[in-house]
PDB file of N, CA and C in Angstrom:
ATOM      1  N   MET A   1      83.415   5.402  30.241  1.00  0.00           N
ATOM      2  CA  MET A   1      83.696   5.695  31.639  1.00  0.00           C
ATOM      3  C   MET A   1      83.936   7.192  31.773  1.00  0.00           C
ATOM      4  N   VAL A   2      83.319   7.781  32.769  1.00  0.00           N
ATOM      5  CA  VAL A   2      83.514   9.189  33.075  1.00  0.00           C
ATOM      6  C   VAL A   2      84.884   9.347  33.727  1.00  0.00           C
ATOM      7  N   SER A   3      85.567  10.426  33.417  1.00  0.00           N
ATOM      8  CA  SER A   3      86.877  10.691  33.995  1.00  0.00           C
ATOM      9  C   SER A   3      86.891  12.093  34.579  1.00  0.00           C
ATOM     10  N   ALA A   4      87.535  12.254  35.728  1.00  0.00           N
ATOM     11  CA  ALA A   4      87.633  13.559  36.377  1.00  0.00           C
ATOM     12  C   ALA A   4      88.953  13.638  37.124  1.00  0.00           C
ATOM     13  N   THR A   5      89.461  14.842  37.253  1.00  0.00           N
ATOM     14  CA  THR A   5      90.647  15.035  38.084  1.00  0.00           C
ATOM     15  C   THR A   5      90.212  15.032  39.543  1.00  0.00           C
ATOM     16  N   LEU A   6      91.157  14.861  40.431  1.00  0.00           N
ATOM     17  CA  LEU A   6      90.827  14.908  41.856  1.00  0.00           C
ATOM     18  C   LEU A   6      90.274  16.271  42.237  1.00  0.00           C
ATOM     19  N   SER A   7      90.796  17.329  41.652  1.00  0.00           N
ATOM     20  CA  SER A   7      90.285  18.678  41.935  1.00  0.00           C
ATOM     21  C   SER A   7      88.833  18.815  41.490  1.00  0.00           C
ATOM     22  N   GLN A   8      88.517  18.308  40.295  1.00  0.00           N
ATOM     23  CA  GLN A   8      87.136  18.362  39.821  1.00  0.00           C
ATOM     24  C   GLN A   8      86.225  17.566  40.748  1.00  0.00           C
ATOM     25  N   PHE A   9      86.699  16.403  41.159  1.00  0.00           N
ATOM     26  CA  PHE A   9      85.898  15.554  42.046  1.00  0.00           C
ATOM     27  C   PHE A   9      85.616  16.276  43.364  1.00  0.00           C
ATOM     28  N   ARG A  10      86.639  16.914  43.932  1.00  0.00           N
ATOM     29  CA  ARG A  10      86.443  17.624  45.198  1.00  0.00           C
ATOM     30  C   ARG A  10      85.387  18.729  45.069  1.00  0.00           C
ATOM     31  N   SER A  11      85.416  19.441  43.957  1.00  0.00           N
ATOM     32  CA  SER A  11      84.498  20.576  43.809  1.00  0.00           C
ATOM     33  C   SER A  11      83.097  20.169  43.357  1.00  0.00           C
ATOM     34  N   GLN A  12      82.967  18.973  42.748  1.00  0.00           N
ATOM     35  CA  GLN A  12      81.657  18.521  42.247  1.00  0.00           C
ATOM     36  C   GLN A  12      81.347  17.103  42.726  1.00  0.00           C
ATOM     37  N   GLN A  13      81.679  16.850  43.962  1.00  0.00           N
ATOM     38  CA  GLN A  13      81.561  15.507  44.516  1.00  0.00           C
ATOM     39  C   GLN A  13      80.181  14.888  44.301  1.00  0.00           C
ATOM     40  N   SER A  14      79.135  15.594  44.613  1.00  0.00           N
ATOM     41  CA  SER A  14      77.793  15.007  44.506  1.00  0.00           C
ATOM     42  C   SER A  14      77.451  14.662  43.063  1.00  0.00           C
ATOM     43  N   ASP A  15      77.905  15.468  42.103  1.00  0.00           N
ATOM     44  CA  ASP A  15      77.649  15.164  40.689  1.00  0.00           C
ATOM     45  C   ASP A  15      78.347  13.868  40.268  1.00  0.00           C
ATOM     46  N   PHE A  16      79.597  13.713  40.711  1.00  0.00           N
ATOM     47  CA  PHE A  16      80.344  12.514  40.324  1.00  0.00           C
ATOM     48  C   PHE A  16      79.850  11.265  41.056  1.00  0.00           C
ATOM     49  N   ILE A  17      79.390  11.433  42.288  1.00  0.00           N
ATOM     50  CA  ILE A  17      78.790  10.300  43.009  1.00  0.00           C
ATOM     51  C   ILE A  17      77.518   9.862  42.284  1.00  0.00           C
ATOM     52  N   ALA A  18      76.730  10.819  41.832  1.00  0.00           N
ATOM     53  CA  ALA A  18      75.512  10.497  41.069  1.00  0.00           C
ATOM     54  C   ALA A  18      75.879   9.807  39.761  1.00  0.00           C
ATOM     55  N   ALA A  19      76.915  10.264  39.094  1.00  0.00           N
ATOM     56  CA  ALA A  19      77.354   9.638  37.843  1.00  0.00           C
ATOM     57  C   ALA A  19      77.827   8.207  38.088  1.00  0.00           C
ATOM     58  N   ALA A  20      78.462   7.980  39.238  1.00  0.00           N
ATOM     59  CA  ALA A  20      78.974   6.637  39.559  1.00  0.00           C
ATOM     60  C   ALA A  20      77.847   5.627  39.746  1.00  0.00           C
ATOM     61  N   GLN A  21      76.620   6.100  39.968  1.00  0.00           N
ATOM     62  CA  GLN A  21      75.495   5.182  40.081  1.00  0.00           C
ATOM     63  C   GLN A  21      75.141   4.589  38.721  1.00  0.00           C
ATOM     64  N   ARG A  22      75.556   5.258  37.648  1.00  0.00           N
ATOM     65  CA  ARG A  22      75.270   4.796  36.283  1.00  0.00           C
ATOM     66  C   ARG A  22      76.458   4.097  35.632  1.00  0.00           C
ATOM     67  N   GLU A  23      77.677   4.592  35.936  1.00  0.00           N
ATOM     68  CA  GLU A  23      78.891   4.022  35.349  1.00  0.00           C
ATOM     69  C   GLU A  23      80.083   4.400  36.215  1.00  0.00           C
ATOM     70  N   PRO A  24      81.167   3.636  36.144  1.00  0.00           N
ATOM     71  CA  PRO A  24      82.352   3.968  36.941  1.00  0.00           C
ATOM     72  C   PRO A  24      82.891   5.356  36.592  1.00  0.00           C
ATOM     73  N   VAL A  25      83.443   6.016  37.602  1.00  0.00           N
ATOM     74  CA  VAL A  25      84.060   7.329  37.426  1.00  0.00           C
ATOM     75  C   VAL A  25      85.541   7.195  37.768  1.00  0.00           C
ATOM     76  N   GLU A  26      86.386   7.461  36.800  1.00  0.00           N
ATOM     77  CA  GLU A  26      87.832   7.362  36.974  1.00  0.00           C
ATOM     78  C   GLU A  26      88.367   8.697  37.484  1.00  0.00           C
ATOM     79  N   LEU A  27      89.141   8.647  38.562  1.00  0.00           N
ATOM     80  CA  LEU A  27      89.749   9.858  39.114  1.00  0.00           C
ATOM     81  C   LEU A  27      91.232   9.865  38.764  1.00  0.00           C
ATOM     82  N   THR A  28      91.676  10.973  38.213  1.00  0.00           N
ATOM     83  CA  THR A  28      93.067  11.097  37.776  1.00  0.00           C
ATOM     84  C   THR A  28      93.748  12.241  38.509  1.00  0.00           C
ATOM     85  N   SER A  29      95.059  12.217  38.467  1.00  0.00           N
ATOM     86  CA  SER A  29      95.835  13.338  38.994  1.00  0.00           C
ATOM     87  C   SER A  29      97.125  13.431  38.197  1.00  0.00           C
ATOM     88  N   ARG A  30      97.684  14.612  38.203  1.00  0.00           N
ATOM     89  CA  ARG A  30      98.938  14.867  37.494  1.00  0.00           C
ATOM     90  C   ARG A  30      98.867  14.391  36.050  1.00  0.00           C
ATOM     91  N   GLY A  31      97.897  14.912  35.342  1.00  0.00           N
ATOM     92  CA  GLY A  31      97.731  14.533  33.948  1.00  0.00           C
ATOM     93  C   GLY A  31      96.808  13.347  33.816  1.00  0.00           C
ATOM     94  N   ALA A  32      97.331  12.243  33.317  1.00  0.00           N
ATOM     95  CA  ALA A  32      96.484  11.085  33.034  1.00  0.00           C
ATOM     96  C   ALA A  32      96.674   9.951  34.028  1.00  0.00           C
ATOM     97  N   ARG A  33      97.425  10.155  35.086  1.00  0.00           N
ATOM     98  CA  ARG A  33      97.687   9.061  36.030  1.00  0.00           C
ATOM     99  C   ARG A  33      96.421   8.709  36.813  1.00  0.00           C
ATOM    100  N   ARG A  34      95.947   7.500  36.633  1.00  0.00           N
ATOM    101  CA  ARG A  34      94.722   7.050  37.307  1.00  0.00           C
ATOM    102  C   ARG A  34      95.009   6.797  38.786  1.00  0.00           C
ATOM    103  N   ARG A  35      94.175   7.385  39.646  1.00  0.00           N
ATOM    104  CA  ARG A  35      94.364   7.258  41.092  1.00  0.00           C
ATOM    105  C   ARG A  35      93.305   6.382  41.750  1.00  0.00           C
ATOM    106  N   ALA A  36      92.071   6.432  41.248  1.00  0.00           N
ATOM    107  CA  ALA A  36      90.986   5.664  41.852  1.00  0.00           C
ATOM    108  C   ALA A  36      89.835   5.568  40.863  1.00  0.00           C
ATOM    109  N   VAL A  37      88.931   4.641  41.161  1.00  0.00           N
ATOM    110  CA  VAL A  37      87.699   4.508  40.385  1.00  0.00           C
ATOM    111  C   VAL A  37      86.552   4.447  41.390  1.00  0.00           C
ATOM    112  N   VAL A  38      85.572   5.304  41.194  1.00  0.00           N
ATOM    113  CA  VAL A  38      84.393   5.346  42.065  1.00  0.00           C
ATOM    114  C   VAL A  38      83.273   4.587  41.357  1.00  0.00           C
ATOM    115  N   VAL A  39      82.676   3.623  42.084  1.00  0.00           N
ATOM    116  CA  VAL A  39      81.590   2.821  41.514  1.00  0.00           C
ATOM    117  C   VAL A  39      80.423   2.794  42.496  1.00  0.00           C
ATOM    118  N   SER A  40      79.271   2.393  41.990  1.00  0.00           N
ATOM    119  CA  SER A  40      78.088   2.270  42.854  1.00  0.00           C
ATOM    120  C   SER A  40      78.260   1.071  43.787  1.00  0.00           C
ATOM    121  N   PRO A  41      77.551   1.067  44.898  1.00  0.00           N
ATOM    122  CA  PRO A  41      77.602  -0.091  45.793  1.00  0.00           C
ATOM    123  C   PRO A  41      77.173  -1.380  45.086  1.00  0.00           C
ATOM    124  N   GLU A  42      76.191  -1.287  44.198  1.00  0.00           N
ATOM    125  CA  GLU A  42      75.723  -2.477  43.477  1.00  0.00           C
ATOM    126  C   GLU A  42      76.818  -3.021  42.554  1.00  0.00           C
ATOM    127  N   PHE A  43      77.523  -2.115  41.874  1.00  0.00           N
ATOM    128  CA  PHE A  43      78.620  -2.534  40.995  1.00  0.00           C
ATOM    129  C   PHE A  43      79.718  -3.196  41.820  1.00  0.00           C
ATOM    130  N   TYR A  44      80.068  -2.576  42.934  1.00  0.00           N
ATOM    131  CA  TYR A  44      81.103  -3.122  43.813  1.00  0.00           C
ATOM    132  C   TYR A  44      80.720  -4.510  44.324  1.00  0.00           C
ATOM    133  N   ASP A  45      79.482  -4.639  44.822  1.00  0.00           N
ATOM    134  CA  ASP A  45      79.028  -5.935  45.339  1.00  0.00           C
ATOM    135  C   ASP A  45      79.056  -7.010  44.258  1.00  0.00           C
ATOM    136  N   ALA A  46      78.622  -6.667  43.043  1.00  0.00           N
ATOM    137  CA  ALA A  46      78.634  -7.626  41.937  1.00  0.00           C
ATOM    138  C   ALA A  46      80.063  -8.016  41.570  1.00  0.00           C
ATOM    139  N   ALA A  47      80.978  -7.057  41.588  1.00  0.00           N
ATOM    140  CA  ALA A  47      82.381  -7.346  41.261  1.00  0.00           C
ATOM    141  C   ALA A  47      83.013  -8.266  42.301  1.00  0.00           C
ATOM    142  N   VAL A  48      82.758  -7.986  43.578  1.00  0.00           N
ATOM    143  CA  VAL A  48      83.295  -8.835  44.651  1.00  0.00           C
ATOM    144  C   VAL A  48      82.719 -10.245  44.546  1.00  0.00           C
ATOM    145  N   GLU A  49      81.427 -10.346  44.292  1.00  0.00           N
ATOM    146  CA  GLU A  49      80.796 -11.662  44.154  1.00  0.00           C
ATOM    147  C   GLU A  49      81.387 -12.433  42.982  1.00  0.00           C
ATOM    148  N   ALA A  50      81.630 -11.755  41.876  1.00  0.00           N
ATOM    149  CA  ALA A  50      82.227 -12.405  40.707  1.00  0.00           C
ATOM    150  C   ALA A  50      83.640 -12.895  41.021  1.00  0.00           C
ATOM    151  N   LEU A  51      84.403 -12.105  41.749  1.00  0.00           N
ATOM    152  CA  LEU A  51      85.758 -12.530  42.132  1.00  0.00           C
ATOM    153  C   LEU A  51      85.714 -13.732  43.072  1.00  0.00           C
ATOM    154  N   GLU A  52      84.765 -13.717  44.013  1.00  0.00           N
ATOM    155  CA  GLU A  52      84.630 -14.855  44.923  1.00  0.00           C
ATOM    156  C   GLU A  52      84.206 -16.109  44.165  1.00  0.00           C
ATOM    157  N   ASP A  53      83.274 -15.959  43.212  1.00  0.00           N
ATOM    158  CA  ASP A  53      82.851 -17.095  42.398  1.00  0.00           C
ATOM    159  C   ASP A  53      84.037 -17.651  41.612  1.00  0.00           C
ATOM    160  N   ARG A  54      84.848 -16.769  41.054  1.00  0.00           N
ATOM    161  CA  ARG A  54      86.026 -17.185  40.279  1.00  0.00           C
ATOM    162  C   ARG A  54      87.001 -17.946  41.171  1.00  0.00           C
ATOM    163  N   ALA A  55      87.204 -17.461  42.385  1.00  0.00           N
ATOM    164  CA  ALA A  55      88.090 -18.150  43.327  1.00  0.00           C
ATOM    165  C   ALA A  55      87.544 -19.534  43.656  1.00  0.00           C
ATOM    166  N   ASP A  56      86.226 -19.661  43.817  1.00  0.00           N
ATOM    167  CA  ASP A  56      85.613 -20.964  44.090  1.00  0.00           C
ATOM    168  C   ASP A  56      85.811 -21.918  42.913  1.00  0.00           C
ATOM    169  N   VAL A  57      85.662 -21.416  41.700  1.00  0.00           N
ATOM    170  CA  VAL A  57      85.848 -22.247  40.508  1.00  0.00           C
ATOM    171  C   VAL A  57      87.293 -22.742  40.435  1.00  0.00           C
ATOM    172  N   LEU A  58      88.244 -21.849  40.692  1.00  0.00           N
ATOM    173  CA  LEU A  58      89.658 -22.246  40.658  1.00  0.00           C
ATOM    174  C   LEU A  58      89.979 -23.255  41.756  1.00  0.00           C
ATOM    175  N   ALA A  59      89.411 -23.061  42.942  1.00  0.00           N
ATOM    176  CA  ALA A  59      89.648 -24.005  44.039  1.00  0.00           C
ATOM    177  C   ALA A  59      89.057 -25.371  43.715  1.00  0.00           C
ATOM    178  N   ALA A  60      87.884 -25.399  43.109  1.00  0.00           N
ATOM    179  CA  ALA A  60      87.264 -26.673  42.730  1.00  0.00           C
ATOM    180  C   ALA A  60      88.098 -27.380  41.662  1.00  0.00           C
ATOM    181  N   ALA A  61      88.606 -26.625  40.710  1.00  0.00           N
ATOM    182  CA  ALA A  61      89.446 -27.220  39.664  1.00  0.00           C
ATOM    183  C   ALA A  61      90.716 -27.793  40.272  1.00  0.00           C
ATOM    184  N   GLN A  62      91.308 -27.078  41.222  1.00  0.00           N
ATOM    185  CA  GLN A  62      92.514 -27.577  41.895  1.00  0.00           C
ATOM    186  C   GLN A  62      92.202 -28.846  42.672  1.00  0.00           C
ATOM    187  N   ALA A  63      91.074 -28.877  43.358  1.00  0.00           N
ATOM    188  CA  ALA A  63      90.694 -30.060  44.139  1.00  0.00           C
ATOM    189  C   ALA A  63      90.504 -31.273  43.231  1.00  0.00           C
ATOM    190  N   ARG A  64      89.969 -31.047  42.028  1.00  0.00           N
ATOM    191  CA  ARG A  64      89.787 -32.168  41.097  1.00  0.00           C
ATOM    192  C   ARG A  64      91.123 -32.716  40.600  1.00  0.00           C
ATOM    193  N   ARG A  65      92.145 -31.869  40.569  1.00  0.00           N
ATOM    194  CA  ARG A  65      93.458 -32.318  40.103  1.00  0.00           C
ATOM    195  C   ARG A  65      94.242 -33.055  41.186  1.00  0.00           C
ATOM    196  N   GLU A  66      93.842 -32.873  42.439  1.00  0.00           N
ATOM    197  CA  GLU A  66      94.556 -33.517  43.535  1.00  0.00           C
ATOM    198  C   GLU A  66      94.284 -35.014  43.555  1.00  0.00           C
ATOM    199  N   GLU A  67      95.138 -35.703  44.270  1.00  0.00           N
ATOM    200  CA  GLU A  67      95.027 -37.169  44.353  1.00  0.00           C
ATOM    201  C   GLU A  67      93.684 -37.571  44.940  1.00  0.00           C
ATOM    202  N   ARG A  68      93.071 -38.561  44.328  1.00  0.00           N
ATOM    203  CA  ARG A  68      91.774 -39.051  44.797  1.00  0.00           C
ATOM    204  C   ARG A  68      91.982 -40.265  45.693  1.00  0.00           C
ATOM    205  N   ILE A  69      91.083 -40.420  46.662  1.00  0.00           N
ATOM    206  CA  ILE A  69      91.124 -41.607  47.499  1.00  0.00           C
ATOM    207  C   ILE A  69      89.780 -42.307  47.385  1.00  0.00           C
ATOM    208  N   SER A  70      89.802 -43.598  47.597  1.00  0.00           N
ATOM    209  CA  SER A  70      88.571 -44.367  47.478  1.00  0.00           C
ATOM    210  C   SER A  70      87.674 -44.120  48.691  1.00  0.00           C
ATOM    211  N   HIS A  71      86.422 -44.474  48.519  1.00  0.00           N
ATOM    212  CA  HIS A  71      85.464 -44.330  49.614  1.00  0.00           C
ATOM    213  C   HIS A  71      85.885 -45.179  50.806  1.00  0.00           C
ATOM    214  N   GLU A  72      86.348 -46.381  50.533  1.00  0.00           N
ATOM    215  CA  GLU A  72      86.777 -47.269  51.608  1.00  0.00           C
ATOM    216  C   GLU A  72      87.948 -46.679  52.382  1.00  0.00           C
ATOM    217  N   ASP A  73      88.921 -46.109  51.655  1.00  0.00           N
ATOM    218  CA  ASP A  73      90.073 -45.502  52.327  1.00  0.00           C
ATOM    219  C   ASP A  73      89.646 -44.297  53.168  1.00  0.00           C
ATOM    220  N   LEU A  74      88.722 -43.526  52.654  1.00  0.00           N
ATOM    221  CA  LEU A  74      88.225 -42.380  53.396  1.00  0.00           C
ATOM    222  C   LEU A  74      87.526 -42.830  54.672  1.00  0.00           C
ATOM    223  N   MET A  75      86.681 -43.828  54.562  1.00  0.00           N
ATOM    224  CA  MET A  75      85.981 -44.320  55.745  1.00  0.00           C
ATOM    225  C   MET A  75      86.962 -44.900  56.756  1.00  0.00           C
ATOM    226  N   ALA A  76      87.990 -45.579  56.281  1.00  0.00           N
ATOM    227  CA  ALA A  76      88.992 -46.118  57.195  1.00  0.00           C
ATOM    228  C   ALA A  76      89.740 -44.984  57.896  1.00  0.00           C
ATOM    229  N   GLU A  77      90.030 -43.936  57.158  1.00  0.00           N
ATOM    230  CA  GLU A  77      90.710 -42.781  57.719  1.00  0.00           C
ATOM    231  C   GLU A  77      89.847 -42.106  58.789  1.00  0.00           C
ATOM    232  N   LEU A  78      88.532 -42.141  58.600  1.00  0.00           N
ATOM    233  CA  LEU A  78      87.610 -41.551  59.554  1.00  0.00           C
ATOM    234  C   LEU A  78      87.224 -42.533  60.660  1.00  0.00           C
ATOM    235  N   ASP A  79      87.825 -43.705  60.639  1.00  0.00           N
ATOM    236  CA  ASP A  79      87.537 -44.775  61.622  1.00  0.00           C
ATOM    237  C   ASP A  79      86.070 -45.169  61.638  1.00  0.00           C
ATOM    238  N   ARG A  80      85.515 -45.386  60.460  1.00  0.00           N
ATOM    239  CA  ARG A  80      84.109 -45.810  60.387  1.00  0.00           C
ATOM    240  C   ARG A  80      83.971 -47.114  59.670  1.00  0.00           C
TER     241      ARG A  80
END
């Protein structure tokens, strides 16, 4: 991962944006304190999609652990 201070990023913004298209760029300040990470739109979209997929998997697992009802009970509940 490329690392830059906020001052370096301000002065070479286009270079670091170009670098972020290949790999994340970590922005630091006051020594080694990480302040932000710049990533490409494709990386961001893939990360968000992966998090959403993970949330769906966890929700499905939780639903499987919940109490089950029979088909007949469900139909009765739906008045059918």
